[in-house]
């Protein structure tokens, strides 16, 4: 049975929006080619870092939630390490409570958005 994972990457702030999209597409392709199902993606945009990384104080954050085999995580993280556009990454396995929390959070956000568009 496939496990749920969540991965967050921080990309170099000197990238253009086109380069950020290109980078995200590359990793999305790696996931789908290895038989994972992408559950949710969220572009957090340019954010201030808690501490400088490579003498930079900001970075583009991108979150991907997916279901797949554990071997895919190893391939994905190897590609993160090889790509100089990625400053940091973190991949975690989600338990059933975290999956339920994420689904509830997405549902509430969609409901709030729907209410705002109705007003």
PDB file of N, CA and C in Angstrom:
ATOM      1  N   UNK A   1       0.844  -1.195   0.000  1.00  0.00           N
ATOM      2  CA  UNK A   1       0.000   0.000   0.000  1.00  0.00           C
ATOM      3  C   UNK A   1       0.881   1.247   0.000  1.00  0.00           C
ATOM      4  N   UNK A   2       0.594   2.204  -0.878  1.00  0.00           N
ATOM      5  CA  UNK A   2       1.444   3.400  -0.938  1.00  0.00           C
ATOM      6  C   UNK A   2       1.294   4.268   0.313  1.00  0.00           C
ATOM      7  N   UNK A   3       2.402   4.888   0.705  1.00  0.00           N
ATOM      8  CA  UNK A   3       2.399   5.794   1.850  1.00  0.00           C
ATOM      9  C   UNK A   3       2.212   7.228   1.370  1.00  0.00           C
ATOM     10  N   UNK A   4       1.737   8.071   2.267  1.00  0.00           N
ATOM     11  CA  UNK A   4       1.616   9.501   1.985  1.00  0.00           C
ATOM     12  C   UNK A   4       2.916  10.200   2.388  1.00  0.00           C
ATOM     13  N   UNK A   5       3.367  11.104   1.542  1.00  0.00           N
ATOM     14  CA  UNK A   5       4.559  11.903   1.825  1.00  0.00           C
ATOM     15  C   UNK A   5       4.265  13.364   1.529  1.00  0.00           C
ATOM     16  N   UNK A   6       5.059  14.210   2.159  1.00  0.00           N
ATOM     17  CA  UNK A   6       4.968  15.646   1.909  1.00  0.00           C
ATOM     18  C   UNK A   6       6.400  16.138   1.771  1.00  0.00           C
ATOM     19  N   UNK A   7       6.660  16.901   0.729  1.00  0.00           N
ATOM     20  CA  UNK A   7       8.003  17.427   0.539  1.00  0.00           C
ATOM     21  C   UNK A   7       7.924  18.934   0.302  1.00  0.00           C
ATOM     22  N   UNK A   8       8.832  19.657   0.944  1.00  0.00           N
ATOM     23  CA  UNK A   8       8.928  21.105   0.772  1.00  0.00           C
ATOM     24  C   UNK A   8      10.323  21.398   0.248  1.00  0.00           C
ATOM     25  N   UNK A   9      10.389  22.215  -0.803  1.00  0.00           N
ATOM     26  CA  UNK A   9      11.693  22.631  -1.326  1.00  0.00           C
ATOM     27  C   UNK A   9      11.808  24.141  -1.210  1.00  0.00           C
ATOM     28  N   UNK A  10      13.023  24.603  -0.994  1.00  0.00           N
ATOM     29  CA  UNK A  10      13.317  26.036  -1.003  1.00  0.00           C
ATOM     30  C   UNK A  10      14.270  26.268  -2.158  1.00  0.00           C
ATOM     31  N   UNK A  11      13.816  27.086  -3.108  1.00  0.00           N
ATOM     32  CA  UNK A  11      14.624  27.362  -4.292  1.00  0.00           C
ATOM     33  C   UNK A  11      15.308  28.717  -4.173  1.00  0.00           C
ATOM     34  N   UNK A  12      16.397  28.862  -4.878  1.00  0.00           N
ATOM     35  CA  UNK A  12      17.198  30.065  -4.896  1.00  0.00           C
ATOM     36  C   UNK A  12      16.349  31.289  -5.263  1.00  0.00           C
ATOM     37  N   UNK A  13      16.444  32.403  -4.510  1.00  0.00           N
ATOM     38  CA  UNK A  13      15.620  33.584  -4.793  1.00  0.00           C
ATOM     39  C   UNK A  13      16.011  34.343  -6.062  1.00  0.00           C
ATOM     40  N   UNK A  14      17.164  34.054  -6.652  1.00  0.00           N
ATOM     41  CA  UNK A  14      17.574  34.761  -7.868  1.00  0.00           C
ATOM     42  C   UNK A  14      16.918  34.184  -9.119  1.00  0.00           C
ATOM     43  N   UNK A  15      16.173  33.088  -8.962  1.00  0.00           N
ATOM     44  CA  UNK A  15      15.493  32.476 -10.110  1.00  0.00           C
ATOM     45  C   UNK A  15      14.328  33.351 -10.578  1.00  0.00           C
ATOM     46  N   UNK A  16      14.079  33.312 -11.881  1.00  0.00           N
ATOM     47  CA  UNK A  16      12.895  33.994 -12.415  1.00  0.00           C
ATOM     48  C   UNK A  16      11.692  33.098 -12.170  1.00  0.00           C
ATOM     49  N   UNK A  17      10.486  33.647 -12.321  1.00  0.00           N
ATOM     50  CA  UNK A  17       9.276  32.851 -12.120  1.00  0.00           C
ATOM     51  C   UNK A  17       9.235  31.673 -13.103  1.00  0.00           C
ATOM     52  N   UNK A  18       9.733  31.905 -14.307  1.00  0.00           N
ATOM     53  CA  UNK A  18       9.789  30.855 -15.323  1.00  0.00           C
ATOM     54  C   UNK A  18      10.718  29.710 -14.881  1.00  0.00           C
ATOM     55  N   UNK A  19      11.857  30.055 -14.287  1.00  0.00           N
ATOM     56  CA  UNK A  19      12.807  29.043 -13.809  1.00  0.00           C
ATOM     57  C   UNK A  19      12.232  28.260 -12.632  1.00  0.00           C
ATOM     58  N   UNK A  20      11.477  28.943 -11.775  1.00  0.00           N
ATOM     59  CA  UNK A  20      10.830  28.275 -10.640  1.00  0.00           C
ATOM     60  C   UNK A  20       9.824  27.255 -11.168  1.00  0.00           C
ATOM     61  N   UNK A  21       9.002  27.661 -12.134  1.00  0.00           N
ATOM     62  CA  UNK A  21       8.008  26.768 -12.734  1.00  0.00           C
ATOM     63  C   UNK A  21       8.685  25.578 -13.399  1.00  0.00           C
ATOM     64  N   UNK A  22       9.779  25.847 -14.101  1.00  0.00           N
ATOM     65  CA  UNK A  22      10.552  24.796 -14.771  1.00  0.00           C
ATOM     66  C   UNK A  22      11.089  23.778 -13.758  1.00  0.00           C
ATOM     67  N   UNK A  23      11.603  24.271 -12.635  1.00  0.00           N
ATOM     68  CA  UNK A  23      12.142  23.412 -11.581  1.00  0.00           C
ATOM     69  C   UNK A  23      11.047  22.540 -10.985  1.00  0.00           C
ATOM     70  N   UNK A  24       9.906  23.145 -10.674  1.00  0.00           N
ATOM     71  CA  UNK A  24       8.781  22.409 -10.092  1.00  0.00           C
ATOM     72  C   UNK A  24       8.290  21.346 -11.072  1.00  0.00           C
ATOM     73  N   UNK A  25       8.194  21.696 -12.357  1.00  0.00           N
ATOM     74  CA  UNK A  25       7.761  20.737 -13.380  1.00  0.00           C
ATOM     75  C   UNK A  25       8.708  19.540 -13.457  1.00  0.00           C
ATOM     76  N   UNK A  26      10.013  19.803 -13.335  1.00  0.00           N
ATOM     77  CA  UNK A  26      11.019  18.727 -13.380  1.00  0.00           C
ATOM     78  C   UNK A  26      10.753  17.716 -12.267  1.00  0.00           C
ATOM     79  N   UNK A  27      10.521  18.196 -11.056  1.00  0.00           N
ATOM     80  CA  UNK A  27      10.319  17.286  -9.928  1.00  0.00           C
ATOM     81  C   UNK A  27       8.942  16.638  -9.963  1.00  0.00           C
ATOM     82  N   UNK A  28       7.954  17.324 -10.492  1.00  0.00           N
ATOM     83  CA  UNK A  28       6.623  16.737 -10.676  1.00  0.00           C
ATOM     84  C   UNK A  28       6.720  15.564 -11.656  1.00  0.00           C
ATOM     85  N   UNK A  29       7.505  15.748 -12.720  1.00  0.00           N
ATOM     86  CA  UNK A  29       7.703  14.703 -13.729  1.00  0.00           C
ATOM     87  C   UNK A  29       8.397  13.486 -13.104  1.00  0.00           C
ATOM     88  N   UNK A  30       9.401  13.716 -12.261  1.00  0.00           N
ATOM     89  CA  UNK A  30      10.102  12.618 -11.588  1.00  0.00           C
ATOM     90  C   UNK A  30       9.109  11.808 -10.754  1.00  0.00           C
ATOM     91  N   UNK A  31       8.237  12.493 -10.047  1.00  0.00           N
ATOM     92  CA  UNK A  31       7.245  11.807  -9.220  1.00  0.00           C
ATOM     93  C   UNK A  31       6.280  10.979 -10.067  1.00  0.00           C
ATOM     94  N   UNK A  32       5.717  11.583 -11.096  1.00  0.00           N
ATOM     95  CA  UNK A  32       4.710  10.875 -11.902  1.00  0.00           C
ATOM     96  C   UNK A  32       5.329   9.731 -12.700  1.00  0.00           C
ATOM     97  N   UNK A  33       6.557   9.889 -13.178  1.00  0.00           N
ATOM     98  CA  UNK A  33       7.226   8.821 -13.927  1.00  0.00           C
ATOM     99  C   UNK A  33       7.537   7.616 -13.050  1.00  0.00           C
ATOM    100  N   UNK A  34       7.614   7.835 -11.737  1.00  0.00           N
ATOM    101  CA  UNK A  34       7.899   6.746 -10.815  1.00  0.00           C
ATOM    102  C   UNK A  34       6.639   6.204 -10.144  1.00  0.00           C
ATOM    103  N   UNK A  35       5.493   6.499 -10.734  1.00  0.00           N
ATOM    104  CA  UNK A  35       4.247   5.888 -10.294  1.00  0.00           C
ATOM    105  C   UNK A  35       3.599   6.465  -9.048  1.00  0.00           C
ATOM    106  N   UNK A  36       3.930   7.704  -8.712  1.00  0.00           N
ATOM    107  CA  UNK A  36       3.278   8.310  -7.550  1.00  0.00           C
ATOM    108  C   UNK A  36       2.041   9.079  -7.980  1.00  0.00           C
ATOM    109  N   UNK A  37       1.160   9.279  -7.032  1.00  0.00           N
ATOM    110  CA  UNK A  37      -0.044  10.090  -7.263  1.00  0.00           C
ATOM    111  C   UNK A  37       0.136  11.394  -6.497  1.00  0.00           C
ATOM    112  N   UNK A  38       0.139  12.517  -7.198  1.00  0.00           N
ATOM    113  CA  UNK A  38       0.278  13.809  -6.544  1.00  0.00           C
ATOM    114  C   UNK A  38      -1.088  14.197  -5.983  1.00  0.00           C
ATOM    115  N   UNK A  39      -1.152  14.362  -4.667  1.00  0.00           N
ATOM    116  CA  UNK A  39      -2.404  14.651  -3.972  1.00  0.00           C
ATOM    117  C   UNK A  39      -2.681  16.149  -3.954  1.00  0.00           C
ATOM    118  N   UNK A  40      -1.633  16.936  -3.656  1.00  0.00           N
ATOM    119  CA  UNK A  40      -1.817  18.386  -3.524  1.00  0.00           C
ATOM    120  C   UNK A  40      -0.486  19.097  -3.742  1.00  0.00           C
ATOM    121  N   UNK A  41      -0.560  20.281  -4.327  1.00  0.00           N
ATOM    122  CA  UNK A  41       0.623  21.128  -4.499  1.00  0.00           C
ATOM    123  C   UNK A  41       0.272  22.532  -4.038  1.00  0.00           C
ATOM    124  N   UNK A  42       1.252  23.212  -3.467  1.00  0.00           N
ATOM    125  CA  UNK A  42       1.008  24.565  -2.989  1.00  0.00           C
ATOM    126  C   UNK A  42       2.274  25.396  -3.165  1.00  0.00           C
ATOM    127  N   UNK A  43       2.152  26.466  -3.934  1.00  0.00           N
ATOM    128  CA  UNK A  43       3.273  27.380  -4.134  1.00  0.00           C
ATOM    129  C   UNK A  43       3.170  28.464  -3.061  1.00  0.00           C
ATOM    130  N   UNK A  44       4.113  28.456  -2.121  1.00  0.00           N
ATOM    131  CA  UNK A  44       4.089  29.439  -1.047  1.00  0.00           C
ATOM    132  C   UNK A  44       4.736  30.749  -1.470  1.00  0.00           C
ATOM    133  N   UNK A  45       5.446  30.740  -2.587  1.00  0.00           N
ATOM    134  CA  UNK A  45       6.060  31.959  -3.101  1.00  0.00           C
ATOM    135  C   UNK A  45       7.366  32.313  -2.401  1.00  0.00           C
ATOM    136  N   UNK A  46       7.769  33.563  -2.591  1.00  0.00           N
ATOM    137  CA  UNK A  46       9.025  34.068  -2.021  1.00  0.00           C
ATOM    138  C   UNK A  46       8.802  34.402  -0.551  1.00  0.00           C
ATOM    139  N   UNK A  47       9.622  33.811   0.312  1.00  0.00           N
ATOM    140  CA  UNK A  47       9.484  34.014   1.759  1.00  0.00           C
ATOM    141  C   UNK A  47      10.840  34.294   2.386  1.00  0.00           C
ATOM    142  N   UNK A  48      10.803  34.965   3.516  1.00  0.00           N
ATOM    143  CA  UNK A  48      12.015  35.228   4.288  1.00  0.00           C
ATOM    144  C   UNK A  48      12.419  33.947   5.004  1.00  0.00           C
ATOM    145  N   UNK A  49      13.709  33.654   4.990  1.00  0.00           N
ATOM    146  CA  UNK A  49      14.230  32.464   5.664  1.00  0.00           C
ATOM    147  C   UNK A  49      14.453  32.750   7.147  1.00  0.00           C
ATOM    148  N   UNK A  50      14.371  31.728   7.974  1.00  0.00           N
ATOM    149  CA  UNK A  50      14.608  31.877   9.403  1.00  0.00           C
ATOM    150  C   UNK A  50      16.080  32.218   9.673  1.00  0.00           C
ATOM    151  N   UNK A  51      16.960  31.724   8.819  1.00  0.00           N
ATOM    152  CA  UNK A  51      18.395  32.013   8.926  1.00  0.00           C
ATOM    153  C   UNK A  51      18.978  31.975   7.516  1.00  0.00           C
ATOM    154  N   UNK A  52      20.070  32.694   7.268  1.00  0.00           N
ATOM    155  CA  UNK A  52      20.637  32.723   5.915  1.00  0.00           C
ATOM    156  C   UNK A  52      21.106  31.347   5.453  1.00  0.00           C
ATOM    157  N   UNK A  53      20.829  31.046   4.189  1.00  0.00           N
ATOM    158  CA  UNK A  53      21.315  29.828   3.540  1.00  0.00           C
ATOM    159  C   UNK A  53      22.078  30.291   2.304  1.00  0.00           C
ATOM    160  N   UNK A  54      23.331  29.881   2.174  1.00  0.00           N
ATOM    161  CA  UNK A  54      24.184  30.293   1.056  1.00  0.00           C
ATOM    162  C   UNK A  54      24.196  31.816   0.902  1.00  0.00           C
ATOM    163  N   UNK A  55      24.245  32.513   2.032  1.00  0.00           N
ATOM    164  CA  UNK A  55      24.273  33.990   2.105  1.00  0.00           C
ATOM    165  C   UNK A  55      23.015  34.637   1.528  1.00  0.00           C
ATOM    166  N   UNK A  56      21.907  33.902   1.521  1.00  0.00           N
ATOM    167  CA  UNK A  56      20.637  34.440   1.009  1.00  0.00           C
ATOM    168  C   UNK A  56      19.629  34.459   2.150  1.00  0.00           C
ATOM    169  N   UNK A  57      18.781  35.495   2.177  1.00  0.00           N
ATOM    170  CA  UNK A  57      17.812  35.643   3.258  1.00  0.00           C
ATOM    171  C   UNK A  57      16.387  35.289   2.846  1.00  0.00           C
ATOM    172  N   UNK A  58      16.167  35.018   1.554  1.00  0.00           N
ATOM    173  CA  UNK A  58      14.839  34.654   1.065  1.00  0.00           C
ATOM    174  C   UNK A  58      14.948  33.437   0.150  1.00  0.00           C
ATOM    175  N   UNK A  59      13.798  32.837  -0.142  1.00  0.00           N
ATOM    176  CA  UNK A  59      13.775  31.691  -1.049  1.00  0.00           C
ATOM    177  C   UNK A  59      12.355  31.412  -1.495  1.00  0.00           C
ATOM    178  N   UNK A  60      12.220  30.744  -2.639  1.00  0.00           N
ATOM    179  CA  UNK A  60      10.905  30.332  -3.143  1.00  0.00           C
ATOM    180  C   UNK A  60      10.558  28.978  -2.532  1.00  0.00           C
ATOM    181  N   UNK A  61       9.433  28.926  -1.816  1.00  0.00           N
ATOM    182  CA  UNK A  61       8.989  27.690  -1.171  1.00  0.00           C
ATOM    183  C   UNK A  61       7.929  27.010  -2.031  1.00  0.00           C
ATOM    184  N   UNK A  62       7.987  25.680  -2.100  1.00  0.00           N
ATOM    185  CA  UNK A  62       6.982  24.908  -2.839  1.00  0.00           C
ATOM    186  C   UNK A  62       6.738  23.591  -2.115  1.00  0.00           C
ATOM    187  N   UNK A  63       5.466  23.287  -1.851  1.00  0.00           N
ATOM    188  CA  UNK A  63       5.079  22.068  -1.134  1.00  0.00           C
ATOM    189  C   UNK A  63       4.368  21.113  -2.076  1.00  0.00           C
ATOM    190  N   UNK A  64       4.702  19.831  -1.991  1.00  0.00           N
ATOM    191  CA  UNK A  64       4.030  18.795  -2.767  1.00  0.00           C
ATOM    192  C   UNK A  64       3.669  17.650  -1.829  1.00  0.00           C
ATOM    193  N   UNK A  65       2.397  17.250  -1.869  1.00  0.00           N
ATOM    194  CA  UNK A  65       1.943  16.091  -1.103  1.00  0.00           C
ATOM    195  C   UNK A  65       1.652  14.991  -2.112  1.00  0.00           C
ATOM    196  N   UNK A  66       2.172  13.783  -1.852  1.00  0.00           N
ATOM    197  CA  UNK A  66       1.994  12.698  -2.810  1.00  0.00           C
ATOM    198  C   UNK A  66       1.895  11.344  -2.121  1.00  0.00           C
ATOM    199  N   UNK A  67       1.351  10.366  -2.861  1.00  0.00           N
ATOM    200  CA  UNK A  67       1.263   8.973  -2.399  1.00  0.00           C
ATOM    201  C   UNK A  67       2.185   8.149  -3.281  1.00  0.00           C
ATOM    202  N   UNK A  68       2.995   7.317  -2.654  1.00  0.00           N
ATOM    203  CA  UNK A  68       3.874   6.477  -3.460  1.00  0.00           C
ATOM    204  C   UNK A  68       4.705   5.539  -2.624  1.00  0.00           C
ATOM    205  N   UNK A  69       5.610   4.871  -3.304  1.00  0.00           N
ATOM    206  CA  UNK A  69       6.511   3.907  -2.695  1.00  0.00           C
ATOM    207  C   UNK A  69       7.702   4.648  -2.081  1.00  0.00           C
ATOM    208  N   UNK A  70       8.275   4.098  -1.027  1.00  0.00           N
ATOM    209  CA  UNK A  70       9.406   4.731  -0.354  1.00  0.00           C
ATOM    210  C   UNK A  70      10.637   4.889  -1.233  1.00  0.00           C
ATOM    211  N   UNK A  71      10.803   4.007  -2.221  1.00  0.00           N
ATOM    212  CA  UNK A  71      11.973   4.091  -3.092  1.00  0.00           C
ATOM    213  C   UNK A  71      11.957   5.369  -3.940  1.00  0.00           C
ATOM    214  N   UNK A  72      10.760   5.912  -4.180  1.00  0.00           N
ATOM    215  CA  UNK A  72      10.632   7.147  -4.962  1.00  0.00           C
ATOM    216  C   UNK A  72      11.249   8.319  -4.204  1.00  0.00           C
ATOM    217  N   UNK A  73      11.105   8.314  -2.883  1.00  0.00           N
ATOM    218  CA  UNK A  73      11.639   9.396  -2.056  1.00  0.00           C
ATOM    219  C   UNK A  73      13.158   9.477  -2.215  1.00  0.00           C
ATOM    220  N   UNK A  74      13.816   8.344  -2.224  1.00  0.00           N
ATOM    221  CA  UNK A  74      15.275   8.315  -2.384  1.00  0.00           C
ATOM    222  C   UNK A  74      15.692   8.907  -3.729  1.00  0.00           C
ATOM    223  N   UNK A  75      14.985   8.535  -4.804  1.00  0.00           N
ATOM    224  CA  UNK A  75      15.281   9.075  -6.141  1.00  0.00           C
ATOM    225  C   UNK A  75      15.045  10.579  -6.181  1.00  0.00           C
ATOM    226  N   UNK A  76      13.925  11.010  -5.581  1.00  0.00           N
ATOM    227  CA  UNK A  76      13.558  12.427  -5.569  1.00  0.00           C
ATOM    228  C   UNK A  76      14.602  13.249  -4.819  1.00  0.00           C
ATOM    229  N   UNK A  77      14.993  12.769  -3.644  1.00  0.00           N
ATOM    230  CA  UNK A  77      15.964  13.521  -2.842  1.00  0.00           C
ATOM    231  C   UNK A  77      17.343  13.549  -3.494  1.00  0.00           C
ATOM    232  N   UNK A  78      17.702  12.505  -4.220  1.00  0.00           N
ATOM    233  CA  UNK A  78      18.965  12.503  -4.952  1.00  0.00           C
ATOM    234  C   UNK A  78      18.944  13.603  -6.017  1.00  0.00           C
ATOM    235  N   UNK A  79      17.819  13.729  -6.706  1.00  0.00           N
ATOM    236  CA  UNK A  79      17.686  14.786  -7.717  1.00  0.00           C
ATOM    237  C   UNK A  79      17.694  16.177  -7.077  1.00  0.00           C
ATOM    238  N   UNK A  80      17.098  16.321  -5.891  1.00  0.00           N
ATOM    239  CA  UNK A  80      17.149  17.606  -5.172  1.00  0.00           C
ATOM    240  C   UNK A  80      18.603  17.987  -4.897  1.00  0.00           C
ATOM    241  N   UNK A  81      19.399  17.014  -4.455  1.00  0.00           N
ATOM    242  CA  UNK A  81      20.805  17.275  -4.125  1.00  0.00           C
ATOM    243  C   UNK A  81      21.616  17.659  -5.355  1.00  0.00           C
ATOM    244  N   UNK A  82      21.254  17.101  -6.506  1.00  0.00           N
ATOM    245  CA  UNK A  82      22.006  17.366  -7.745  1.00  0.00           C
ATOM    246  C   UNK A  82      21.646  18.700  -8.384  1.00  0.00           C
ATOM    247  N   UNK A  83      20.498  19.263  -8.033  1.00  0.00           N
ATOM    248  CA  UNK A  83      20.011  20.486  -8.666  1.00  0.00           C
ATOM    249  C   UNK A  83      20.477  21.709  -7.874  1.00  0.00           C
ATOM    250  N   UNK A  84      21.292  22.573  -8.502  1.00  0.00           N
ATOM    251  CA  UNK A  84      21.833  23.732  -7.777  1.00  0.00           C
ATOM    252  C   UNK A  84      20.772  24.798  -7.477  1.00  0.00           C
ATOM    253  N   UNK A  85      19.597  24.698  -8.095  1.00  0.00           N
ATOM    254  CA  UNK A  85      18.527  25.659  -7.829  1.00  0.00           C
ATOM    255  C   UNK A  85      17.853  25.406  -6.480  1.00  0.00           C
ATOM    256  N   UNK A  86      18.016  24.198  -5.938  1.00  0.00           N
ATOM    257  CA  UNK A  86      17.408  23.826  -4.658  1.00  0.00           C
ATOM    258  C   UNK A  86      18.393  24.133  -3.532  1.00  0.00           C
ATOM    259  N   UNK A  87      17.980  25.013  -2.608  1.00  0.00           N
ATOM    260  CA  UNK A  87      18.848  25.359  -1.477  1.00  0.00           C
ATOM    261  C   UNK A  87      18.634  24.394  -0.308  1.00  0.00           C
ATOM    262  N   UNK A  88      17.381  24.019  -0.050  1.00  0.00           N
ATOM    263  CA  UNK A  88      17.035  23.093   1.023  1.00  0.00           C
ATOM    264  C   UNK A  88      15.799  22.299   0.623  1.00  0.00           C
ATOM    265  N   UNK A  89      15.644  21.121   1.221  1.00  0.00           N
ATOM    266  CA  UNK A  89      14.439  20.328   1.005  1.00  0.00           C
ATOM    267  C   UNK A  89      14.176  19.497   2.246  1.00  0.00           C
ATOM    268  N   UNK A  90      12.926  19.101   2.419  1.00  0.00           N
ATOM    269  CA  UNK A  90      12.549  18.217   3.521  1.00  0.00           C
ATOM    270  C   UNK A  90      11.388  17.363   3.054  1.00  0.00           C
ATOM    271  N   UNK A  91      11.539  16.056   3.175  1.00  0.00           N
ATOM    272  CA  UNK A  91      10.466  15.122   2.833  1.00  0.00           C
ATOM    273  C   UNK A  91      10.119  14.338   4.083  1.00  0.00           C
ATOM    274  N   UNK A  92       8.830  14.290   4.404  1.00  0.00           N
ATOM    275  CA  UNK A  92       8.381  13.533   5.579  1.00  0.00           C
ATOM    276  C   UNK A  92       7.259  12.587   5.190  1.00  0.00           C
ATOM    277  N   UNK A  93       7.207  11.439   5.878  1.00  0.00           N
ATOM    278  CA  UNK A  93       6.098  10.499   5.712  1.00  0.00           C
ATOM    279  C   UNK A  93       4.973  10.975   6.625  1.00  0.00           C
ATOM    280  N   UNK A  94       3.753  10.972   6.102  1.00  0.00           N
ATOM    281  CA  UNK A  94       2.613  11.432   6.879  1.00  0.00           C
ATOM    282  C   UNK A  94       1.862  10.233   7.464  1.00  0.00           C
ATOM    283  N   UNK A  95       1.475  10.341   8.736  1.00  0.00           N
ATOM    284  CA  UNK A  95       0.637   9.298   9.317  1.00  0.00           C
ATOM    285  C   UNK A  95      -0.829   9.617   9.007  1.00  0.00           C
ATOM    286  N   UNK A  96      -1.737   8.752   9.434  1.00  0.00           N
ATOM    287  CA  UNK A  96      -3.155   8.936   9.094  1.00  0.00           C
ATOM    288  C   UNK A  96      -3.718  10.225   9.671  1.00  0.00           C
ATOM    289  N   UNK A  97      -3.211  10.677  10.803  1.00  0.00           N
ATOM    290  CA  UNK A  97      -3.701  11.916  11.419  1.00  0.00           C
ATOM    291  C   UNK A  97      -3.272  13.143  10.613  1.00  0.00           C
ATOM    292  N   UNK A  98      -2.047  13.118  10.124  1.00  0.00           N
ATOM    293  CA  UNK A  98      -1.544  14.231   9.311  1.00  0.00           C
ATOM    294  C   UNK A  98      -2.289  14.300   7.979  1.00  0.00           C
ATOM    295  N   UNK A  99      -2.587  13.148   7.390  1.00  0.00           N
ATOM    296  CA  UNK A  99      -3.334  13.103   6.131  1.00  0.00           C
ATOM    297  C   UNK A  99      -4.733  13.678   6.349  1.00  0.00           C
ATOM    298  N   UNK A 100      -5.389  13.259   7.447  1.00  0.00           N
ATOM    299  CA  UNK A 100      -6.733  13.760   7.765  1.00  0.00           C
ATOM    300  C   UNK A 100      -6.700  15.264   8.009  1.00  0.00           C
ATOM    301  N   UNK A 101      -5.659  15.745   8.700  1.00  0.00           N
ATOM    302  CA  UNK A 101      -5.520  17.181   8.975  1.00  0.00           C
ATOM    303  C   UNK A 101      -5.362  17.968   7.676  1.00  0.00           C
ATOM    304  N   UNK A 102      -4.515  17.472   6.775  1.00  0.00           N
ATOM    305  CA  UNK A 102      -4.306  18.156   5.491  1.00  0.00           C
ATOM    306  C   UNK A 102      -5.589  18.211   4.669  1.00  0.00           C
ATOM    307  N   UNK A 103      -6.333  17.110   4.648  1.00  0.00           N
ATOM    308  CA  UNK A 103      -7.597  17.078   3.898  1.00  0.00           C
ATOM    309  C   UNK A 103      -8.595  18.073   4.490  1.00  0.00           C
ATOM    310  N   UNK A 104      -8.670  18.119   5.823  1.00  0.00           N
ATOM    311  CA  UNK A 104      -9.588  19.046   6.498  1.00  0.00           C
ATOM    312  C   UNK A 104      -9.194  20.500   6.210  1.00  0.00           C
ATOM    313  N   UNK A 105      -7.895  20.764   6.248  1.00  0.00           N
ATOM    314  CA  UNK A 105      -7.387  22.113   5.986  1.00  0.00           C
ATOM    315  C   UNK A 105      -7.725  22.553   4.556  1.00  0.00           C
ATOM    316  N   UNK A 106      -7.532  21.649   3.575  1.00  0.00           N
ATOM    317  CA  UNK A 106      -7.854  21.969   2.178  1.00  0.00           C
ATOM    318  C   UNK A 106      -9.351  22.200   2.002  1.00  0.00           C
ATOM    319  N   UNK A 107     -10.149  21.372   2.653  1.00  0.00           N
ATOM    320  CA  UNK A 107     -11.608  21.494   2.571  1.00  0.00           C
ATOM    321  C   UNK A 107     -12.066  22.842   3.140  1.00  0.00           C
ATOM    322  N   UNK A 108     -11.514  23.218   4.297  1.00  0.00           N
ATOM    323  CA  UNK A 108     -11.862  24.503   4.909  1.00  0.00           C
ATOM    324  C   UNK A 108     -11.426  25.682   4.044  1.00  0.00           C
ATOM    325  N   UNK A 109     -10.264  25.578   3.433  1.00  0.00           N
ATOM    326  CA  UNK A 109      -9.774  26.651   2.562  1.00  0.00           C
ATOM    327  C   UNK A 109     -10.659  26.798   1.334  1.00  0.00           C
ATOM    328  N   UNK A 110     -11.083  25.674   0.756  1.00  0.00           N
ATOM    329  CA  UNK A 110     -11.963  25.707  -0.415  1.00  0.00           C
ATOM    330  C   UNK A 110     -13.319  26.295  -0.041  1.00  0.00           C
ATOM    331  N   UNK A 111     -13.809  25.920   1.132  1.00  0.00           N
ATOM    332  CA  UNK A 111     -15.105  26.430   1.600  1.00  0.00           C
ATOM    333  C   UNK A 111     -15.025  27.939   1.833  1.00  0.00           C
ATOM    334  N   UNK A 112     -13.942  28.391   2.441  1.00  0.00           N
ATOM    335  CA  UNK A 112     -13.758  29.826   2.709  1.00  0.00           C
ATOM    336  C   UNK A 112     -13.668  30.612   1.405  1.00  0.00           C
ATOM    337  N   UNK A 113     -12.948  30.057   0.426  1.00  0.00           N
ATOM    338  CA  UNK A 113     -12.809  30.699  -0.875  1.00  0.00           C
ATOM    339  C   UNK A 113     -14.166  30.798  -1.565  1.00  0.00           C
ATOM    340  N   UNK A 114     -14.963  29.739  -1.452  1.00  0.00           N
ATOM    341  CA  UNK A 114     -16.288  29.713  -2.055  1.00  0.00           C
ATOM    342  C   UNK A 114     -17.194  30.760  -1.411  1.00  0.00           C
ATOM    343  N   UNK A 115     -17.107  30.904  -0.096  1.00  0.00           N
ATOM    344  CA  UNK A 115     -17.909  31.903   0.622  1.00  0.00           C
ATOM    345  C   UNK A 115     -17.509  33.321   0.223  1.00  0.00           C
ATOM    346  N   UNK A 116     -16.208  33.547   0.052  1.00  0.00           N
ATOM    347  CA  UNK A 116     -15.727  34.868  -0.341  1.00  0.00           C
ATOM    348  C   UNK A 116     -16.179  35.245  -1.745  1.00  0.00           C
ATOM    349  N   UNK A 117     -16.187  34.262  -2.648  1.00  0.00           N
ATOM    350  CA  UNK A 117     -16.617  34.540  -4.028  1.00  0.00           C
ATOM    351  C   UNK A 117     -18.126  34.757  -4.097  1.00  0.00           C
ATOM    352  N   UNK A 118     -18.864  34.200  -3.143  1.00  0.00           N
ATOM    353  CA  UNK A 118     -20.323  34.388  -3.118  1.00  0.00           C
ATOM    354  C   UNK A 118     -20.683  35.795  -2.641  1.00  0.00           C
ATOM    355  N   UNK A 119     -19.808  36.402  -1.837  1.00  0.00           N
ATOM    356  CA  UNK A 119     -20.082  37.752  -1.302  1.00  0.00           C
ATOM    357  C   UNK A 119     -19.745  38.798  -2.269  1.00  0.00           C
TER     358      UNK A 119
END
